[in-house]
Amino acid sequence: MTQAAAATAGLVAPTVAWPVQISREQALSWVDRKLSGARDIRAELYHSPMLGVVFESRRGVEPVERVHVIVDLVGGRAYAAEPWNRVAFEPLGTAGQSATIAAPARTLTDEQGEAAARRLVQSILLRTRRLGGPGRVQRVGPLLCFGKPNWWITGSNRGRQMEIIMDAVTGKHYALSA
């Protein structure tokens, strides 16, 4: 789905982004260290649309548990996350957040993203609470639609095309071809 089609379908693109923690120079330096034969290396920033959801769980008189979940709005996968209340999200398009390539278009609505997050939370709580159900799970606060920065690294390595996606927050990487 293109960005225009996504917007027409009511799938609004993020307006804020998680701050970049891994700079372009750090990403390129990592490639130099790991793939010494790499040539014509380029790193381009893009922001993948994500949804942040916070849930509270209560079971009887037990204390309230908070669970933070991030949902990939392109692929639909949900991840348990650390609380992001101390993250200073930045407006997209500012100096540190100017993407050089277009972000993938989101395919999930906010409601579908929240449902994926809720399924993950219920699964986590069922595993951690061996006796009994997850209790009452409710969303707390507004949904947070944000862009997660990634580096798309391209070039060649030993005569073959190279493509690597590096998370610009954690430095984790996914080699598509290297």
C-alpha atoms as a PDB file:
ATOM      1  CA  MET A   1       0.000   0.000   0.000  1.00  0.00           C
ATOM      2  CA  THR A   2       1.388   3.405  -0.908  1.00  0.00           C
ATOM      3  CA  GLN A   3       1.484   6.328   1.547  1.00  0.00           C
ATOM      4  CA  ALA A   4      -1.308   8.036  -0.423  1.00  0.00           C
ATOM      5  CA  ALA A   5      -3.508   4.917  -0.310  1.00  0.00           C
ATOM      6  CA  ALA A   6      -2.779   4.515   3.406  1.00  0.00           C
ATOM      7  CA  ALA A   7      -3.796   8.122   4.075  1.00  0.00           C
ATOM      8  CA  THR A   8      -6.989   7.642   2.059  1.00  0.00           C
ATOM      9  CA  ALA A   9      -7.774   4.543   4.142  1.00  0.00           C
ATOM     10  CA  GLY A  10      -7.472   6.642   7.316  1.00  0.00           C
ATOM     11  CA  LEU A  11      -4.074   5.212   8.279  1.00  0.00           C
ATOM     12  CA  VAL A  12      -2.395   8.396   9.429  1.00  0.00           C
ATOM     13  CA  ALA A  13       1.406   8.516   9.285  1.00  0.00           C
ATOM     14  CA  PRO A  14       3.291   9.315  12.507  1.00  0.00           C
ATOM     15  CA  THR A  15       4.137  12.943  13.238  1.00  0.00           C
ATOM     16  CA  VAL A  16       6.692  12.229  15.982  1.00  0.00           C
ATOM     17  CA  ALA A  17       9.663   9.878  16.133  1.00  0.00           C
ATOM     18  CA  TRP A  18      11.762   8.051  18.669  1.00  0.00           C
ATOM     19  CA  PRO A  19      15.115   9.877  18.820  1.00  0.00           C
ATOM     20  CA  VAL A  20      17.951   8.449  16.741  1.00  0.00           C
ATOM     21  CA  GLN A  21      20.514   6.823  19.055  1.00  0.00           C
ATOM     22  CA  ILE A  22      22.788   5.247  16.428  1.00  0.00           C
ATOM     23  CA  SER A  23      24.166   7.919  14.094  1.00  0.00           C
ATOM     24  CA  ARG A  24      24.850   7.478  10.385  1.00  0.00           C
ATOM     25  CA  GLU A  25      28.589   7.509  11.183  1.00  0.00           C
ATOM     26  CA  GLN A  26      28.162   4.755  13.794  1.00  0.00           C
ATOM     27  CA  ALA A  27      26.136   2.628  11.361  1.00  0.00           C
ATOM     28  CA  LEU A  28      28.752   3.043   8.625  1.00  0.00           C
ATOM     29  CA  SER A  29      31.574   2.338  11.080  1.00  0.00           C
ATOM     30  CA  TRP A  30      29.837  -0.884  12.143  1.00  0.00           C
ATOM     31  CA  VAL A  31      29.691  -2.032   8.502  1.00  0.00           C
ATOM     32  CA  ASP A  32      33.401  -1.208   8.081  1.00  0.00           C
ATOM     33  CA  ARG A  33      34.270  -3.347  11.118  1.00  0.00           C
ATOM     34  CA  LYS A  34      32.032  -6.300  10.254  1.00  0.00           C
ATOM     35  CA  LEU A  35      32.385  -6.360   6.456  1.00  0.00           C
ATOM     36  CA  SER A  36      35.887  -5.197   5.633  1.00  0.00           C
ATOM     37  CA  GLY A  37      35.354  -5.865   1.925  1.00  0.00           C
ATOM     38  CA  ALA A  38      32.256  -3.648   1.675  1.00  0.00           C
ATOM     39  CA  ARG A  39      32.335  -0.870  -0.941  1.00  0.00           C
ATOM     40  CA  ASP A  40      30.127   2.079  -1.921  1.00  0.00           C
ATOM     41  CA  ILE A  41      28.353   1.957   1.444  1.00  0.00           C
ATOM     42  CA  ARG A  42      25.352   4.268   1.945  1.00  0.00           C
ATOM     43  CA  ALA A  43      23.119   4.606   4.982  1.00  0.00           C
ATOM     44  CA  GLU A  44      19.712   6.228   4.571  1.00  0.00           C
ATOM     45  CA  LEU A  45      17.332   6.989   7.417  1.00  0.00           C
ATOM     46  CA  TYR A  46      13.647   6.058   7.374  1.00  0.00           C
ATOM     47  CA  HIS A  47      10.961   5.781  10.051  1.00  0.00           C
ATOM     48  CA  SER A  48       8.832   2.681  10.398  1.00  0.00           C
ATOM     49  CA  PRO A  49       5.333   3.439  11.751  1.00  0.00           C
ATOM     50  CA  MET A  50       4.767   1.999  15.225  1.00  0.00           C
ATOM     51  CA  LEU A  51       2.007   2.153  17.839  1.00  0.00           C
ATOM     52  CA  GLY A  52       2.697   2.399  21.566  1.00  0.00           C
ATOM     53  CA  VAL A  53       0.026   1.087  23.931  1.00  0.00           C
ATOM     54  CA  VAL A  54       0.042   0.904  27.738  1.00  0.00           C
ATOM     55  CA  PHE A  55      -2.179  -1.539  29.623  1.00  0.00           C
ATOM     56  CA  GLU A  56      -2.984  -2.027  33.278  1.00  0.00           C
ATOM     57  CA  SER A  57      -3.834  -5.426  34.626  1.00  0.00           C
ATOM     58  CA  ARG A  58      -5.635  -6.062  37.862  1.00  0.00           C
ATOM     59  CA  ARG A  59      -6.610  -9.379  39.371  1.00  0.00           C
ATOM     60  CA  GLY A  60      -8.608  -9.163  42.561  1.00  0.00           C
ATOM     61  CA  VAL A  61      -6.706  -7.279  45.266  1.00  0.00           C
ATOM     62  CA  GLU A  62      -3.282  -7.782  43.643  1.00  0.00           C
ATOM     63  CA  PRO A  63      -1.342  -4.623  42.786  1.00  0.00           C
ATOM     64  CA  VAL A  64      -1.837  -3.110  39.377  1.00  0.00           C
ATOM     65  CA  GLU A  65       0.704  -4.180  36.758  1.00  0.00           C
ATOM     66  CA  ARG A  66       1.535  -1.946  33.791  1.00  0.00           C
ATOM     67  CA  VAL A  67       2.594  -3.476  30.514  1.00  0.00           C
ATOM     68  CA  HIS A  68       3.989  -1.398  27.634  1.00  0.00           C
ATOM     69  CA  VAL A  69       3.632  -2.771  24.105  1.00  0.00           C
ATOM     70  CA  ILE A  70       4.919  -1.536  20.753  1.00  0.00           C
ATOM     71  CA  VAL A  71       3.187  -2.731  17.575  1.00  0.00           C
ATOM     72  CA  ASP A  72       4.731  -2.643  14.101  1.00  0.00           C
ATOM     73  CA  LEU A  73       1.982  -1.010  12.018  1.00  0.00           C
ATOM     74  CA  VAL A  74       3.402  -2.468   8.790  1.00  0.00           C
ATOM     75  CA  GLY A  75       3.818  -6.134   9.715  1.00  0.00           C
ATOM     76  CA  GLY A  76       1.479  -6.339  12.706  1.00  0.00           C
ATOM     77  CA  ARG A  77       3.906  -7.862  15.205  1.00  0.00           C
ATOM     78  CA  ALA A  78       3.632  -6.759  18.835  1.00  0.00           C
ATOM     79  CA  TYR A  79       6.563  -6.502  21.262  1.00  0.00           C
ATOM     80  CA  ALA A  80       6.691  -6.028  25.012  1.00  0.00           C
ATOM     81  CA  ALA A  81       8.711  -2.894  25.723  1.00  0.00           C
ATOM     82  CA  GLU A  82      10.314  -0.847  28.435  1.00  0.00           C
ATOM     83  CA  PRO A  83       8.258   2.177  29.509  1.00  0.00           C
ATOM     84  CA  TRP A  84       8.802   5.094  27.157  1.00  0.00           C
ATOM     85  CA  ASN A  85       7.594   7.843  29.488  1.00  0.00           C
ATOM     86  CA  ARG A  86      11.139   9.302  29.647  1.00  0.00           C
ATOM     87  CA  VAL A  87      11.685   9.300  25.878  1.00  0.00           C
ATOM     88  CA  ALA A  88      11.658  12.789  24.357  1.00  0.00           C
ATOM     89  CA  PHE A  89       9.884  12.094  21.087  1.00  0.00           C
ATOM     90  CA  GLU A  90      10.860  14.551  18.369  1.00  0.00           C
ATOM     91  CA  PRO A  91       8.717  15.958  15.578  1.00  0.00           C
ATOM     92  CA  LEU A  92       9.401  14.198  12.274  1.00  0.00           C
ATOM     93  CA  GLY A  93      11.279  16.458   9.898  1.00  0.00           C
ATOM     94  CA  THR A  94      13.483  18.104  12.528  1.00  0.00           C
ATOM     95  CA  ALA A  95      17.261  18.050  12.121  1.00  0.00           C
ATOM     96  CA  GLY A  96      17.765  14.658  13.789  1.00  0.00           C
ATOM     97  CA  GLN A  97      14.644  13.130  12.276  1.00  0.00           C
ATOM     98  CA  SER A  98      14.875  14.090   8.598  1.00  0.00           C
ATOM     99  CA  ALA A  99      14.445  10.832   6.712  1.00  0.00           C
ATOM    100  CA  THR A 100      16.205  10.440   3.403  1.00  0.00           C
ATOM    101  CA  ILE A 101      13.854   7.753   2.066  1.00  0.00           C
ATOM    102  CA  ALA A 102      10.109   7.234   2.377  1.00  0.00           C
ATOM    103  CA  ALA A 103       8.822   5.168   5.268  1.00  0.00           C
ATOM    104  CA  PRO A 104       6.890   1.995   4.598  1.00  0.00           C
ATOM    105  CA  ALA A 105       3.150   2.646   4.585  1.00  0.00           C
ATOM    106  CA  ARG A 106       1.267   1.353   7.576  1.00  0.00           C
ATOM    107  CA  THR A 107      -1.240  -1.410   6.909  1.00  0.00           C
ATOM    108  CA  LEU A 108      -2.894  -1.664  10.333  1.00  0.00           C
ATOM    109  CA  THR A 109      -5.429   0.743  11.803  1.00  0.00           C
ATOM    110  CA  ASP A 110      -5.019   1.970  15.365  1.00  0.00           C
ATOM    111  CA  GLU A 111      -7.770  -0.462  16.401  1.00  0.00           C
ATOM    112  CA  GLN A 112      -5.997  -3.429  14.787  1.00  0.00           C
ATOM    113  CA  GLY A 113      -2.733  -2.367  16.421  1.00  0.00           C
ATOM    114  CA  GLU A 114      -4.375  -2.089  19.820  1.00  0.00           C
ATOM    115  CA  ALA A 115      -5.959  -5.542  19.369  1.00  0.00           C
ATOM    116  CA  ALA A 116      -2.538  -7.052  18.550  1.00  0.00           C
ATOM    117  CA  ALA A 117      -1.080  -5.373  21.660  1.00  0.00           C
ATOM    118  CA  ARG A 118      -3.942  -6.666  23.825  1.00  0.00           C
ATOM    119  CA  ARG A 119      -3.423 -10.244  22.565  1.00  0.00           C
ATOM    120  CA  LEU A 120       0.262 -10.040  23.484  1.00  0.00           C
ATOM    121  CA  VAL A 121      -0.482  -8.679  26.967  1.00  0.00           C
ATOM    122  CA  GLN A 122      -3.041 -11.393  27.663  1.00  0.00           C
ATOM    123  CA  SER A 123      -0.574 -14.046  26.491  1.00  0.00           C
ATOM    124  CA  ILE A 124       2.190 -12.639  28.722  1.00  0.00           C
ATOM    125  CA  LEU A 125      -0.102 -12.480  31.735  1.00  0.00           C
ATOM    126  CA  LEU A 126      -1.390 -16.022  31.182  1.00  0.00           C
ATOM    127  CA  ARG A 127       2.198 -17.330  31.125  1.00  0.00           C
ATOM    128  CA  THR A 128       3.247 -15.405  34.223  1.00  0.00           C
ATOM    129  CA  ARG A 129       0.094 -16.191  36.206  1.00  0.00           C
ATOM    130  CA  ARG A 130      -0.003 -19.949  36.039  1.00  0.00           C
ATOM    131  CA  LEU A 131      -3.136 -20.306  38.100  1.00  0.00           C
ATOM    132  CA  GLY A 132      -6.061 -18.325  36.847  1.00  0.00           C
ATOM    133  CA  GLY A 133      -6.625 -15.920  34.021  1.00  0.00           C
ATOM    134  CA  PRO A 134      -4.967 -12.615  33.231  1.00  0.00           C
ATOM    135  CA  GLY A 135      -7.511 -10.625  35.220  1.00  0.00           C
ATOM    136  CA  ARG A 136      -8.972  -7.366  33.981  1.00  0.00           C
ATOM    137  CA  VAL A 137      -6.810  -5.745  31.317  1.00  0.00           C
ATOM    138  CA  GLN A 138      -7.547  -2.191  30.223  1.00  0.00           C
ATOM    139  CA  ARG A 139      -5.750   0.363  28.147  1.00  0.00           C
ATOM    140  CA  VAL A 140      -4.298   3.344  29.990  1.00  0.00           C
ATOM    141  CA  GLY A 141      -3.843   6.693  28.278  1.00  0.00           C
ATOM    142  CA  PRO A 142      -3.879   7.512  24.587  1.00  0.00           C
ATOM    143  CA  LEU A 143      -2.370   5.454  21.786  1.00  0.00           C
ATOM    144  CA  LEU A 144       1.002   6.765  20.636  1.00  0.00           C
ATOM    145  CA  CYS A 145       1.686   6.588  16.900  1.00  0.00           C
ATOM    146  CA  PHE A 146       5.390   7.220  16.254  1.00  0.00           C
ATOM    147  CA  GLY A 147       8.143   6.568  13.767  1.00  0.00           C
ATOM    148  CA  LYS A 148      10.947   4.199  14.763  1.00  0.00           C
ATOM    149  CA  PRO A 149      14.177   5.237  13.051  1.00  0.00           C
ATOM    150  CA  ASN A 150      16.084   2.675  10.984  1.00  0.00           C
ATOM    151  CA  TRP A 151      19.118   2.825   8.716  1.00  0.00           C
ATOM    152  CA  TRP A 152      18.838   1.197   5.309  1.00  0.00           C
ATOM    153  CA  ILE A 153      22.438   0.345   4.491  1.00  0.00           C
ATOM    154  CA  THR A 154      23.344  -0.537   0.914  1.00  0.00           C
ATOM    155  CA  GLY A 155      26.512  -1.143  -1.062  1.00  0.00           C
ATOM    156  CA  SER A 156      28.453  -4.142  -2.266  1.00  0.00           C
ATOM    157  CA  ASN A 157      30.435  -6.785  -0.438  1.00  0.00           C
ATOM    158  CA  ARG A 158      32.838  -9.063  -2.315  1.00  0.00           C
ATOM    159  CA  GLY A 159      31.163  -8.277  -5.607  1.00  0.00           C
ATOM    160  CA  ARG A 160      27.578  -8.911  -4.386  1.00  0.00           C
ATOM    161  CA  GLN A 161      24.860  -6.377  -3.578  1.00  0.00           C
ATOM    162  CA  MET A 162      24.430  -5.729   0.133  1.00  0.00           C
ATOM    163  CA  GLU A 163      21.309  -4.582   2.014  1.00  0.00           C
ATOM    164  CA  ILE A 164      21.139  -4.316   5.798  1.00  0.00           C
ATOM    165  CA  ILE A 165      18.471  -2.766   8.006  1.00  0.00           C
ATOM    166  CA  MET A 166      19.867  -1.397  11.271  1.00  0.00           C
ATOM    167  CA  ASP A 167      17.660  -0.234  14.107  1.00  0.00           C
ATOM    168  CA  ALA A 168      18.764   3.356  14.802  1.00  0.00           C
ATOM    169  CA  VAL A 169      17.676   3.043  18.443  1.00  0.00           C
ATOM    170  CA  THR A 170      19.293  -0.237  19.528  1.00  0.00           C
ATOM    171  CA  GLY A 171      21.825  -1.017  16.787  1.00  0.00           C
ATOM    172  CA  LYS A 172      20.296  -4.423  16.089  1.00  0.00           C
ATOM    173  CA  HIS A 173      20.596  -5.335  12.462  1.00  0.00           C
ATOM    174  CA  TYR A 174      18.869  -7.542   9.918  1.00  0.00           C
ATOM    175  CA  ALA A 175      20.859  -8.565   6.858  1.00  0.00           C
ATOM    176  CA  LEU A 176      18.665  -8.869   3.805  1.00  0.00           C
ATOM    177  CA  SER A 177      21.738  -9.696   1.736  1.00  0.00           C
ATOM    178  CA  ALA A 178      25.397  -9.203   2.601  1.00  0.00           C
END
